[in-house]
Amino acid sequence: MMRSPSSYKFGKAIGVTQDIAWFMLERLRYAVGHKNYKLTMGKDETIELDETFVGGKNKNRHR
């Protein structure tokens, strides 16, 4: 069984803060463990991902 990385190491690797990395890892762990999120992919299916930012103060935003 593969262990998931710490939120500190994960955040450092992808260039985000530790709390954002923790949030992302919690969502990934939930999705991997939840039966409704286990979908099979056909060979002609496409997956598209994007980045979403919701809330926060302007002083904490990226440059």
C-alpha atoms as a PDB file:
ATOM      1  CA  MET A   1       0.000   0.000   0.000  1.00  0.00           C
ATOM      2  CA  MET A   2       1.360   3.391  -0.992  1.00  0.00           C
ATOM      3  CA  ARG A   3       1.475   6.123   1.639  1.00  0.00           C
ATOM      4  CA  SER A   4       0.328   9.599   0.724  1.00  0.00           C
ATOM      5  CA  PRO A   5       2.834  12.430   1.112  1.00  0.00           C
ATOM      6  CA  SER A   6       2.672  14.924   3.940  1.00  0.00           C
ATOM      7  CA  SER A   7       0.889  18.155   3.122  1.00  0.00           C
ATOM      8  CA  TYR A   8       4.133  20.028   3.772  1.00  0.00           C
ATOM      9  CA  LYS A   9       6.111  18.009   1.205  1.00  0.00           C
ATOM     10  CA  PHE A  10       3.234  18.016  -1.274  1.00  0.00           C
ATOM     11  CA  GLY A  11       2.814  21.789  -0.988  1.00  0.00           C
ATOM     12  CA  LYS A  12       6.507  22.384  -1.447  1.00  0.00           C
ATOM     13  CA  ALA A  13       6.596  20.113  -4.511  1.00  0.00           C
ATOM     14  CA  ILE A  14       3.721  21.855  -6.295  1.00  0.00           C
ATOM     15  CA  GLY A  15       4.446  25.387  -5.066  1.00  0.00           C
ATOM     16  CA  VAL A  16       1.484  26.079  -2.776  1.00  0.00           C
ATOM     17  CA  THR A  17       1.133  26.706   0.939  1.00  0.00           C
ATOM     18  CA  GLN A  18       0.795  23.830   3.393  1.00  0.00           C
ATOM     19  CA  ASP A  19      -2.868  24.549   4.157  1.00  0.00           C
ATOM     20  CA  ILE A  20      -3.829  24.518   0.457  1.00  0.00           C
ATOM     21  CA  ALA A  21      -1.878  21.280  -0.007  1.00  0.00           C
ATOM     22  CA  TRP A  22      -3.686  19.750   2.988  1.00  0.00           C
ATOM     23  CA  PHE A  23      -7.052  20.746   1.507  1.00  0.00           C
ATOM     24  CA  MET A  24      -6.145  19.233  -1.871  1.00  0.00           C
ATOM     25  CA  LEU A  25      -4.872  15.994  -0.322  1.00  0.00           C
ATOM     26  CA  GLU A  26      -8.047  15.604   1.744  1.00  0.00           C
ATOM     27  CA  ARG A  27     -10.159  15.895  -1.429  1.00  0.00           C
ATOM     28  CA  LEU A  28      -7.922  13.426  -3.285  1.00  0.00           C
ATOM     29  CA  ARG A  29      -8.021  10.924  -0.420  1.00  0.00           C
ATOM     30  CA  TYR A  30     -11.816  11.197  -0.304  1.00  0.00           C
ATOM     31  CA  ALA A  31     -12.142  10.689  -4.061  1.00  0.00           C
ATOM     32  CA  VAL A  32      -9.858   7.655  -4.104  1.00  0.00           C
ATOM     33  CA  GLY A  33     -11.728   6.020  -1.235  1.00  0.00           C
ATOM     34  CA  HIS A  34     -15.293   6.837  -2.279  1.00  0.00           C
ATOM     35  CA  LYS A  35     -17.102   4.345  -4.535  1.00  0.00           C
ATOM     36  CA  ASN A  36     -19.003   7.017  -6.497  1.00  0.00           C
ATOM     37  CA  TYR A  37     -15.743   8.634  -7.578  1.00  0.00           C
ATOM     38  CA  LYS A  38     -14.323   5.426  -9.051  1.00  0.00           C
ATOM     39  CA  LEU A  39     -15.169   5.791 -12.711  1.00  0.00           C
ATOM     40  CA  THR A  40     -13.719   3.759 -15.537  1.00  0.00           C
ATOM     41  CA  MET A  41     -12.223   5.474 -18.548  1.00  0.00           C
ATOM     42  CA  GLY A  42     -12.832   4.376 -22.105  1.00  0.00           C
ATOM     43  CA  LYS A  43     -10.080   4.826 -24.646  1.00  0.00           C
ATOM     44  CA  ASP A  44     -11.867   7.772 -26.317  1.00  0.00           C
ATOM     45  CA  GLU A  45     -12.698   9.698 -23.133  1.00  0.00           C
ATOM     46  CA  THR A  46     -10.948  12.949 -22.247  1.00  0.00           C
ATOM     47  CA  ILE A  47     -10.293  14.395 -18.783  1.00  0.00           C
ATOM     48  CA  GLU A  48      -9.995  18.148 -18.389  1.00  0.00           C
ATOM     49  CA  LEU A  49      -8.814  19.869 -15.208  1.00  0.00           C
ATOM     50  CA  ASP A  50      -8.582  23.522 -14.315  1.00  0.00           C
ATOM     51  CA  GLU A  51      -7.629  25.677 -11.359  1.00  0.00           C
ATOM     52  CA  THR A  52     -10.251  27.369  -9.223  1.00  0.00           C
ATOM     53  CA  PHE A  53      -9.785  30.078  -6.623  1.00  0.00           C
ATOM     54  CA  VAL A  54     -12.670  31.021  -4.340  1.00  0.00           C
ATOM     55  CA  GLY A  55     -12.533  33.739  -1.697  1.00  0.00           C
ATOM     56  CA  GLY A  56      -9.609  35.159   0.176  1.00  0.00           C
ATOM     57  CA  LYS A  57      -8.102  38.606   0.558  1.00  0.00           C
ATOM     58  CA  ASN A  58      -6.344  40.389  -2.306  1.00  0.00           C
ATOM     59  CA  LYS A  59      -3.128  40.695  -0.250  1.00  0.00           C
ATOM     60  CA  ASN A  60      -2.906  36.854  -0.118  1.00  0.00           C
ATOM     61  CA  ARG A  61      -3.337  36.316  -3.870  1.00  0.00           C
ATOM     62  CA  HIS A  62      -0.640  35.164  -6.257  1.00  0.00           C
ATOM     63  CA  ARG A  63       1.371  37.739  -8.152  1.00  0.00           C
END
